[in-house]
Amino acid sequence: MTRKLIWPIVLFTMLFSVDAWAVGTYRLRSTEIQEAGGQWHIYVTRIELPTAPAIAHVPMKFIFTELMQYERALTDASKDPVMNRIPIQNPLPKIEPLEVSFSDGTGKIFKGTSYDFSLTRARGYEAGEYKFVLRSSDGNDIGSPTTIILKGDNDVVDRRTISFATKAKDKDAGKEVAENENTGPASTEVTPVGTAPPFIPPSAFQKTDEEQIHTSGQGGCCGSSMIASTGPRENAAILAITVGLGLLVMRRKKR
């Protein structure tokens, strides 16, 4: 009697749970999509609702949560990049809000339709594995979650170990260069040798023959030797003075 009561309750609970979180169904052409030109084109071949919607274009959310990242890495064991599947911890879902048309050219509305769209790297997508959920505008999930794979080549990450021996060698080389620099001359100043000549030579202080005034040796100031030793201008001046003195003496005698 107890077993007969348990099974109906279990079946009712299962059916109620499915209806609570899933409304309708959907199908994908493929769950593995190859990248082309920096994007992945996804084809939903069929979206089926329980009944035809009230409007022709229904807002829906296409939700993608990254599960695995396909990392291309350079390692010490291989010259070429290797692919690593990196699990993503606590990822944030990426939501694509789109309007899906359930009508044809005549305006008639149906409960089923097909739809396709693209995911791009510019919006933060990269090669890896994602959980895909299709959700209606009222918050109900359509169908069940599906894992899709976006195939492609992500940027290469360098995972090679750092060689400390090379750094030590470079350090020793730098030390050797520093020691060689220390062995050079401590100063670039030039030590003067000998005695430099004075800026004004001694000959500049000696008078030339023209600057010397030669006397006759008898102490006379107006003798012929003084006139002979002077230049043409000096001779003319002396002659003019002599003539003037002579004229002055003659005038005084006449008086």
C-alpha atoms as a PDB file:
ATOM      1  CA  MET A   1       0.000   0.000   0.000  1.00  0.00           C
ATOM      2  CA  THR A   2       2.855   2.340   0.862  1.00  0.00           C
ATOM      3  CA  ARG A   3       4.715   1.611  -2.374  1.00  0.00           C
ATOM      4  CA  LYS A   4       1.580   2.320  -4.424  1.00  0.00           C
ATOM      5  CA  LEU A   5       1.390   5.799  -2.879  1.00  0.00           C
ATOM      6  CA  ILE A   6       5.093   6.636  -3.275  1.00  0.00           C
ATOM      7  CA  TRP A   7       5.451   6.135  -7.040  1.00  0.00           C
ATOM      8  CA  PRO A   8       2.609   8.496  -8.049  1.00  0.00           C
ATOM      9  CA  ILE A   9       4.053  11.152  -5.768  1.00  0.00           C
ATOM     10  CA  VAL A  10       7.531  10.793  -7.321  1.00  0.00           C
ATOM     11  CA  LEU A  11       6.180  10.961 -10.863  1.00  0.00           C
ATOM     12  CA  PHE A  12       4.052  14.002 -10.035  1.00  0.00           C
ATOM     13  CA  THR A  13       7.045  15.767  -8.475  1.00  0.00           C
ATOM     14  CA  MET A  14       9.231  15.061 -11.529  1.00  0.00           C
ATOM     15  CA  LEU A  15       6.635  16.359 -13.944  1.00  0.00           C
ATOM     16  CA  PHE A  16       5.979  19.449 -11.830  1.00  0.00           C
ATOM     17  CA  SER A  17       9.714  20.205 -11.590  1.00  0.00           C
ATOM     18  CA  VAL A  18      10.212  19.966 -15.358  1.00  0.00           C
ATOM     19  CA  ASP A  19       7.250  22.263 -16.045  1.00  0.00           C
ATOM     20  CA  ALA A  20       8.526  24.721 -13.438  1.00  0.00           C
ATOM     21  CA  TRP A  21      11.910  25.400 -15.058  1.00  0.00           C
ATOM     22  CA  ALA A  22      11.474  24.350 -18.692  1.00  0.00           C
ATOM     23  CA  VAL A  23       8.885  25.623 -21.160  1.00  0.00           C
ATOM     24  CA  GLY A  24       9.063  24.364 -24.714  1.00  0.00           C
ATOM     25  CA  THR A  25      12.136  22.940 -26.491  1.00  0.00           C
ATOM     26  CA  TYR A  26      14.917  23.910 -28.872  1.00  0.00           C
ATOM     27  CA  ARG A  27      17.395  22.144 -31.143  1.00  0.00           C
ATOM     28  CA  LEU A  28      20.837  23.203 -32.353  1.00  0.00           C
ATOM     29  CA  ARG A  29      22.282  22.288 -35.725  1.00  0.00           C
ATOM     30  CA  SER A  30      25.587  21.479 -34.004  1.00  0.00           C
ATOM     31  CA  THR A  31      27.042  21.830 -30.528  1.00  0.00           C
ATOM     32  CA  GLU A  32      30.565  22.332 -31.953  1.00  0.00           C
ATOM     33  CA  ILE A  33      31.043  25.563 -33.912  1.00  0.00           C
ATOM     34  CA  GLN A  34      34.220  26.490 -35.772  1.00  0.00           C
ATOM     35  CA  GLU A  35      35.396  30.084 -35.668  1.00  0.00           C
ATOM     36  CA  ALA A  36      35.272  32.014 -38.934  1.00  0.00           C
ATOM     37  CA  GLY A  37      36.515  35.575 -39.207  1.00  0.00           C
ATOM     38  CA  GLY A  38      36.603  36.167 -35.465  1.00  0.00           C
ATOM     39  CA  GLN A  39      33.050  34.911 -34.821  1.00  0.00           C
ATOM     40  CA  TRP A  40      31.003  31.773 -34.259  1.00  0.00           C
ATOM     41  CA  HIS A  41      27.677  31.429 -36.074  1.00  0.00           C
ATOM     42  CA  ILE A  42      25.088  29.453 -34.122  1.00  0.00           C
ATOM     43  CA  TYR A  43      22.024  27.943 -35.774  1.00  0.00           C
ATOM     44  CA  VAL A  44      18.956  27.113 -33.662  1.00  0.00           C
ATOM     45  CA  THR A  45      17.045  24.922 -36.058  1.00  0.00           C
ATOM     46  CA  ARG A  46      13.882  24.790 -33.967  1.00  0.00           C
ATOM     47  CA  ILE A  47      12.437  26.733 -31.040  1.00  0.00           C
ATOM     48  CA  GLU A  48       9.117  25.210 -29.975  1.00  0.00           C
ATOM     49  CA  LEU A  49       6.780  26.870 -27.453  1.00  0.00           C
ATOM     50  CA  PRO A  50       3.759  25.171 -25.854  1.00  0.00           C
ATOM     51  CA  THR A  51       1.442  27.625 -27.634  1.00  0.00           C
ATOM     52  CA  ALA A  52       1.814  30.420 -30.149  1.00  0.00           C
ATOM     53  CA  PRO A  53       2.982  33.634 -28.477  1.00  0.00           C
ATOM     54  CA  ALA A  54       0.765  36.691 -28.270  1.00  0.00           C
ATOM     55  CA  ILE A  55       3.233  38.832 -30.246  1.00  0.00           C
ATOM     56  CA  ALA A  56       5.154  38.127 -33.434  1.00  0.00           C
ATOM     57  CA  HIS A  57       8.592  39.081 -32.098  1.00  0.00           C
ATOM     58  CA  VAL A  58       9.348  37.575 -28.707  1.00  0.00           C
ATOM     59  CA  PRO A  59      12.241  38.915 -26.578  1.00  0.00           C
ATOM     60  CA  MET A  60      14.502  36.065 -25.437  1.00  0.00           C
ATOM     61  CA  LYS A  61      17.821  35.727 -23.645  1.00  0.00           C
ATOM     62  CA  PHE A  62      20.609  33.537 -25.024  1.00  0.00           C
ATOM     63  CA  ILE A  63      22.845  32.901 -22.020  1.00  0.00           C
ATOM     64  CA  PHE A  64      26.414  31.559 -22.276  1.00  0.00           C
ATOM     65  CA  THR A  65      28.469  30.616 -19.210  1.00  0.00           C
ATOM     66  CA  GLU A  66      32.141  29.718 -19.864  1.00  0.00           C
ATOM     67  CA  LEU A  67      33.127  26.369 -18.364  1.00  0.00           C
ATOM     68  CA  MET A  68      36.510  25.654 -19.983  1.00  0.00           C
ATOM     69  CA  GLN A  69      38.992  27.940 -21.670  1.00  0.00           C
ATOM     70  CA  TYR A  70      41.130  26.527 -24.476  1.00  0.00           C
ATOM     71  CA  GLU A  71      44.533  27.977 -23.675  1.00  0.00           C
ATOM     72  CA  ARG A  72      47.393  27.835 -26.155  1.00  0.00           C
ATOM     73  CA  ALA A  73      50.658  27.865 -24.222  1.00  0.00           C
ATOM     74  CA  LEU A  74      54.382  27.704 -24.897  1.00  0.00           C
ATOM     75  CA  THR A  75      56.067  25.183 -22.600  1.00  0.00           C
ATOM     76  CA  ASP A  76      59.567  23.836 -22.067  1.00  0.00           C
ATOM     77  CA  ALA A  77      58.499  20.428 -23.383  1.00  0.00           C
ATOM     78  CA  SER A  78      57.350  21.619 -26.792  1.00  0.00           C
ATOM     79  CA  LYS A  79      58.493  24.171 -29.350  1.00  0.00           C
ATOM     80  CA  ASP A  80      54.952  24.632 -30.684  1.00  0.00           C
ATOM     81  CA  PRO A  81      52.031  25.895 -28.572  1.00  0.00           C
ATOM     82  CA  VAL A  82      50.035  23.198 -26.802  1.00  0.00           C
ATOM     83  CA  MET A  83      46.328  23.391 -25.936  1.00  0.00           C
ATOM     84  CA  ASN A  84      45.294  23.242 -22.267  1.00  0.00           C
ATOM     85  CA  ARG A  85      41.713  23.011 -20.986  1.00  0.00           C
ATOM     86  CA  ILE A  86      41.556  25.503 -18.123  1.00  0.00           C
ATOM     87  CA  PRO A  87      38.463  25.282 -15.861  1.00  0.00           C
ATOM     88  CA  ILE A  88      36.843  28.654 -15.141  1.00  0.00           C
ATOM     89  CA  GLN A  89      36.043  29.332 -11.491  1.00  0.00           C
ATOM     90  CA  ASN A  90      32.837  31.268 -10.692  1.00  0.00           C
ATOM     91  CA  PRO A  91      32.300  32.600 -14.215  1.00  0.00           C
ATOM     92  CA  LEU A  92      29.851  35.376 -14.958  1.00  0.00           C
ATOM     93  CA  PRO A  93      27.322  34.495 -17.661  1.00  0.00           C
ATOM     94  CA  LYS A  94      27.257  36.454 -20.901  1.00  0.00           C
ATOM     95  CA  ILE A  95      23.720  37.373 -21.905  1.00  0.00           C
ATOM     96  CA  GLU A  96      22.650  38.108 -25.479  1.00  0.00           C
ATOM     97  CA  PRO A  97      19.141  39.684 -25.490  1.00  0.00           C
ATOM     98  CA  LEU A  98      17.578  39.064 -28.899  1.00  0.00           C
ATOM     99  CA  GLU A  99      14.124  39.224 -30.443  1.00  0.00           C
ATOM    100  CA  VAL A 100      12.979  36.005 -32.092  1.00  0.00           C
ATOM    101  CA  SER A 101      10.342  36.171 -34.796  1.00  0.00           C
ATOM    102  CA  PHE A 102       7.519  33.592 -34.662  1.00  0.00           C
ATOM    103  CA  SER A 103       5.636  34.964 -37.689  1.00  0.00           C
ATOM    104  CA  ASP A 104       5.900  34.653 -41.459  1.00  0.00           C
ATOM    105  CA  GLY A 105       5.557  37.210 -44.224  1.00  0.00           C
ATOM    106  CA  THR A 106       1.779  37.278 -43.956  1.00  0.00           C
ATOM    107  CA  GLY A 107       1.867  38.150 -40.267  1.00  0.00           C
ATOM    108  CA  LYS A 108       0.611  34.772 -39.078  1.00  0.00           C
ATOM    109  CA  ILE A 109       2.092  33.729 -35.705  1.00  0.00           C
ATOM    110  CA  PHE A 110       3.290  30.186 -35.064  1.00  0.00           C
ATOM    111  CA  LYS A 111       4.416  28.404 -31.909  1.00  0.00           C
ATOM    112  CA  GLY A 112       7.637  27.194 -33.529  1.00  0.00           C
ATOM    113  CA  THR A 113      10.438  28.929 -35.461  1.00  0.00           C
ATOM    114  CA  SER A 114      14.145  28.781 -36.371  1.00  0.00           C
ATOM    115  CA  TYR A 115      16.803  31.337 -35.502  1.00  0.00           C
ATOM    116  CA  ASP A 116      20.517  31.988 -36.031  1.00  0.00           C
ATOM    117  CA  PHE A 117      22.983  34.557 -34.656  1.00  0.00           C
ATOM    118  CA  SER A 118      26.719  35.126 -34.129  1.00  0.00           C
ATOM    119  CA  LEU A 119      29.072  35.387 -31.148  1.00  0.00           C
ATOM    120  CA  THR A 120      32.174  37.536 -31.628  1.00  0.00           C
ATOM    121  CA  ARG A 121      35.523  37.969 -29.871  1.00  0.00           C
ATOM    122  CA  ALA A 122      34.785  41.678 -29.700  1.00  0.00           C
ATOM    123  CA  ARG A 123      32.030  40.842 -27.184  1.00  0.00           C
ATOM    124  CA  GLY A 124      34.416  38.825 -24.996  1.00  0.00           C
ATOM    125  CA  TYR A 125      33.970  35.316 -26.392  1.00  0.00           C
ATOM    126  CA  GLU A 126      36.926  33.017 -27.003  1.00  0.00           C
ATOM    127  CA  ALA A 127      37.541  29.403 -27.880  1.00  0.00           C
ATOM    128  CA  GLY A 128      36.332  27.078 -25.146  1.00  0.00           C
ATOM    129  CA  GLU A 129      33.334  25.245 -23.691  1.00  0.00           C
ATOM    130  CA  TYR A 130      30.145  27.029 -22.643  1.00  0.00           C
ATOM    131  CA  LYS A 131      26.850  26.144 -21.008  1.00  0.00           C
ATOM    132  CA  PHE A 132      24.026  27.443 -23.176  1.00  0.00           C
ATOM    133  CA  VAL A 133      20.611  28.337 -21.759  1.00  0.00           C
ATOM    134  CA  LEU A 134      17.646  29.739 -23.705  1.00  0.00           C
ATOM    135  CA  ARG A 135      15.328  31.802 -21.521  1.00  0.00           C
ATOM    136  CA  SER A 136      12.015  33.500 -22.277  1.00  0.00           C
ATOM    137  CA  SER A 137      11.192  37.083 -21.373  1.00  0.00           C
ATOM    138  CA  ASP A 138       9.139  35.951 -18.352  1.00  0.00           C
ATOM    139  CA  GLY A 139      12.166  34.162 -16.841  1.00  0.00           C
ATOM    140  CA  ASN A 140      11.323  30.575 -17.837  1.00  0.00           C
ATOM    141  CA  ASP A 141      14.005  28.382 -19.388  1.00  0.00           C
ATOM    142  CA  ILE A 142      13.131  26.847 -22.749  1.00  0.00           C
ATOM    143  CA  GLY A 143      14.348  23.266 -23.037  1.00  0.00           C
ATOM    144  CA  SER A 144      17.351  22.139 -21.000  1.00  0.00           C
ATOM    145  CA  PRO A 145      20.918  23.548 -20.760  1.00  0.00           C
ATOM    146  CA  THR A 146      23.352  22.387 -23.445  1.00  0.00           C
ATOM    147  CA  THR A 147      27.149  22.400 -23.552  1.00  0.00           C
ATOM    148  CA  ILE A 148      28.508  23.920 -26.751  1.00  0.00           C
ATOM    149  CA  ILE A 149      32.123  24.115 -27.927  1.00  0.00           C
ATOM    150  CA  LEU A 150      33.519  27.173 -29.668  1.00  0.00           C
ATOM    151  CA  LYS A 151      36.514  26.007 -31.676  1.00  0.00           C
ATOM    152  CA  GLY A 152      39.389  28.305 -32.620  1.00  0.00           C
ATOM    153  CA  ASP A 153      42.883  29.525 -31.748  1.00  0.00           C
ATOM    154  CA  ASN A 154      43.216  31.783 -28.726  1.00  0.00           C
ATOM    155  CA  ASP A 155      46.236  34.005 -28.099  1.00  0.00           C
ATOM    156  CA  VAL A 156      49.441  32.196 -27.104  1.00  0.00           C
ATOM    157  CA  VAL A 157      50.510  32.357 -23.445  1.00  0.00           C
ATOM    158  CA  ASP A 158      54.177  31.879 -22.481  1.00  0.00           C
ATOM    159  CA  ARG A 159      54.418  29.212 -19.740  1.00  0.00           C
ATOM    160  CA  ARG A 160      58.143  28.511 -20.089  1.00  0.00           C
ATOM    161  CA  THR A 161      60.341  28.629 -16.999  1.00  0.00           C
ATOM    162  CA  ILE A 162      62.765  31.506 -16.537  1.00  0.00           C
ATOM    163  CA  SER A 163      66.467  30.644 -16.891  1.00  0.00           C
ATOM    164  CA  PHE A 164      68.297  32.148 -13.907  1.00  0.00           C
ATOM    165  CA  ALA A 165      71.678  30.907 -15.257  1.00  0.00           C
ATOM    166  CA  THR A 166      71.419  33.325 -18.144  1.00  0.00           C
ATOM    167  CA  LYS A 167      70.733  36.183 -15.775  1.00  0.00           C
ATOM    168  CA  ALA A 168      73.742  35.242 -13.616  1.00  0.00           C
ATOM    169  CA  LYS A 169      75.931  35.135 -16.703  1.00  0.00           C
ATOM    170  CA  ASP A 170      74.740  38.567 -17.771  1.00  0.00           C
ATOM    171  CA  LYS A 171      75.412  39.834 -14.261  1.00  0.00           C
ATOM    172  CA  ASP A 172      79.003  38.499 -14.328  1.00  0.00           C
ATOM    173  CA  ALA A 173      79.558  40.087 -17.723  1.00  0.00           C
ATOM    174  CA  GLY A 174      78.355  43.410 -16.398  1.00  0.00           C
ATOM    175  CA  LYS A 175      80.677  43.080 -13.394  1.00  0.00           C
ATOM    176  CA  GLU A 176      83.636  42.370 -15.686  1.00  0.00           C
ATOM    177  CA  VAL A 177      82.863  45.464 -17.759  1.00  0.00           C
ATOM    178  CA  ALA A 178      82.704  47.548 -14.592  1.00  0.00           C
ATOM    179  CA  GLU A 179      86.096  46.246 -13.450  1.00  0.00           C
ATOM    180  CA  ASN A 180      87.626  47.055 -16.837  1.00  0.00           C
ATOM    181  CA  GLU A 181      86.297  50.571 -16.573  1.00  0.00           C
ATOM    182  CA  ASN A 182      87.860  50.965 -13.127  1.00  0.00           C
ATOM    183  CA  THR A 183      91.321  50.039 -14.458  1.00  0.00           C
ATOM    184  CA  GLY A 184      91.355  53.051 -16.807  1.00  0.00           C
ATOM    185  CA  PRO A 185      92.725  56.514 -15.948  1.00  0.00           C
ATOM    186  CA  ALA A 186      91.138  58.005 -12.860  1.00  0.00           C
ATOM    187  CA  SER A 187      91.043  61.464 -14.414  1.00  0.00           C
ATOM    188  CA  THR A 188      91.025  62.897 -17.909  1.00  0.00           C
ATOM    189  CA  GLU A 189      92.759  66.181 -16.893  1.00  0.00           C
ATOM    190  CA  VAL A 190      96.035  67.032 -18.716  1.00  0.00           C
ATOM    191  CA  THR A 191      99.056  67.858 -16.511  1.00  0.00           C
ATOM    192  CA  PRO A 192     100.913  70.927 -17.859  1.00  0.00           C
ATOM    193  CA  VAL A 193     104.580  70.452 -18.807  1.00  0.00           C
ATOM    194  CA  GLY A 194     107.124  73.325 -18.890  1.00  0.00           C
ATOM    195  CA  THR A 195     106.473  77.072 -18.486  1.00  0.00           C
ATOM    196  CA  ALA A 196     104.095  78.844 -20.805  1.00  0.00           C
ATOM    197  CA  PRO A 197     105.231  82.215 -22.266  1.00  0.00           C
ATOM    198  CA  PRO A 198     103.586  85.333 -20.741  1.00  0.00           C
ATOM    199  CA  PHE A 199     100.528  86.708 -22.405  1.00  0.00           C
ATOM    200  CA  ILE A 200     102.374  90.053 -23.081  1.00  0.00           C
ATOM    201  CA  PRO A 201     105.990  89.419 -24.183  1.00  0.00           C
ATOM    202  CA  PRO A 202     108.808  91.515 -22.582  1.00  0.00           C
ATOM    203  CA  SER A 203     109.643  93.078 -25.957  1.00  0.00           C
ATOM    204  CA  ALA A 204     106.326  94.952 -25.786  1.00  0.00           C
ATOM    205  CA  PHE A 205     107.720  97.108 -22.958  1.00  0.00           C
ATOM    206  CA  GLN A 206     110.869  98.130 -24.940  1.00  0.00           C
ATOM    207  CA  LYS A 207     110.704 101.380 -26.929  1.00  0.00           C
ATOM    208  CA  THR A 208     111.448 101.344 -30.607  1.00  0.00           C
ATOM    209  CA  ASP A 209     114.045 103.594 -32.250  1.00  0.00           C
ATOM    210  CA  GLU A 210     111.350 106.037 -33.378  1.00  0.00           C
ATOM    211  CA  GLU A 211     110.074 106.388 -29.788  1.00  0.00           C
ATOM    212  CA  GLN A 212     113.522 107.161 -28.372  1.00  0.00           C
ATOM    213  CA  ILE A 213     114.578 110.894 -28.163  1.00  0.00           C
ATOM    214  CA  HIS A 214     118.323 111.069 -28.775  1.00  0.00           C
ATOM    215  CA  THR A 215     120.247 113.967 -27.226  1.00  0.00           C
ATOM    216  CA  SER A 216     123.642 115.350 -28.279  1.00  0.00           C
ATOM    217  CA  GLY A 217     125.323 114.552 -24.999  1.00  0.00           C
ATOM    218  CA  GLN A 218     125.979 118.298 -24.255  1.00  0.00           C
ATOM    219  CA  GLY A 219     122.689 118.777 -22.432  1.00  0.00           C
ATOM    220  CA  GLY A 220     121.333 121.262 -25.024  1.00  0.00           C
ATOM    221  CA  CYS A 221     117.632 121.251 -25.709  1.00  0.00           C
ATOM    222  CA  CYS A 222     117.588 122.985 -29.060  1.00  0.00           C
ATOM    223  CA  GLY A 223     120.745 121.642 -30.727  1.00  0.00           C
ATOM    224  CA  SER A 224     121.062 120.266 -34.185  1.00  0.00           C
ATOM    225  CA  SER A 225     121.291 116.692 -32.919  1.00  0.00           C
ATOM    226  CA  MET A 226     117.776 116.946 -31.388  1.00  0.00           C
ATOM    227  CA  ILE A 227     116.307 118.259 -34.593  1.00  0.00           C
ATOM    228  CA  ALA A 228     117.995 115.511 -36.569  1.00  0.00           C
ATOM    229  CA  SER A 229     116.613 112.832 -34.310  1.00  0.00           C
ATOM    230  CA  THR A 230     112.987 113.981 -34.627  1.00  0.00           C
ATOM    231  CA  GLY A 231     110.602 113.260 -37.417  1.00  0.00           C
ATOM    232  CA  PRO A 232     109.296 115.638 -40.151  1.00  0.00           C
ATOM    233  CA  ARG A 233     106.351 116.911 -38.100  1.00  0.00           C
ATOM    234  CA  GLU A 234     108.499 117.606 -35.057  1.00  0.00           C
ATOM    235  CA  ASN A 235     111.079 119.449 -37.221  1.00  0.00           C
ATOM    236  CA  ALA A 236     108.374 121.701 -38.703  1.00  0.00           C
ATOM    237  CA  ALA A 237     107.018 122.544 -35.264  1.00  0.00           C
ATOM    238  CA  ILE A 238     110.457 123.447 -33.918  1.00  0.00           C
ATOM    239  CA  LEU A 239     111.208 125.590 -36.977  1.00  0.00           C
ATOM    240  CA  ALA A 240     107.930 127.470 -36.552  1.00  0.00           C
ATOM    241  CA  ILE A 241     108.668 128.151 -32.881  1.00  0.00           C
ATOM    242  CA  THR A 242     112.205 129.386 -33.726  1.00  0.00           C
ATOM    243  CA  VAL A 243     110.919 131.735 -36.414  1.00  0.00           C
ATOM    244  CA  GLY A 244     108.267 133.059 -34.077  1.00  0.00           C
ATOM    245  CA  LEU A 245     110.785 133.759 -31.315  1.00  0.00           C
ATOM    246  CA  GLY A 246     113.056 135.555 -33.819  1.00  0.00           C
ATOM    247  CA  LEU A 247     110.252 137.824 -35.008  1.00  0.00           C
ATOM    248  CA  LEU A 248     109.325 138.652 -31.433  1.00  0.00           C
ATOM    249  CA  VAL A 249     112.928 139.669 -30.620  1.00  0.00           C
ATOM    250  CA  MET A 250     113.139 141.876 -33.721  1.00  0.00           C
ATOM    251  CA  ARG A 251     109.952 143.770 -32.774  1.00  0.00           C
ATOM    252  CA  ARG A 252     111.217 144.456 -29.310  1.00  0.00           C
ATOM    253  CA  LYS A 253     114.506 145.880 -30.679  1.00  0.00           C
ATOM    254  CA  LYS A 254     112.636 148.221 -32.982  1.00  0.00           C
ATOM    255  CA  ARG A 255     110.710 149.676 -30.088  1.00  0.00           C
END
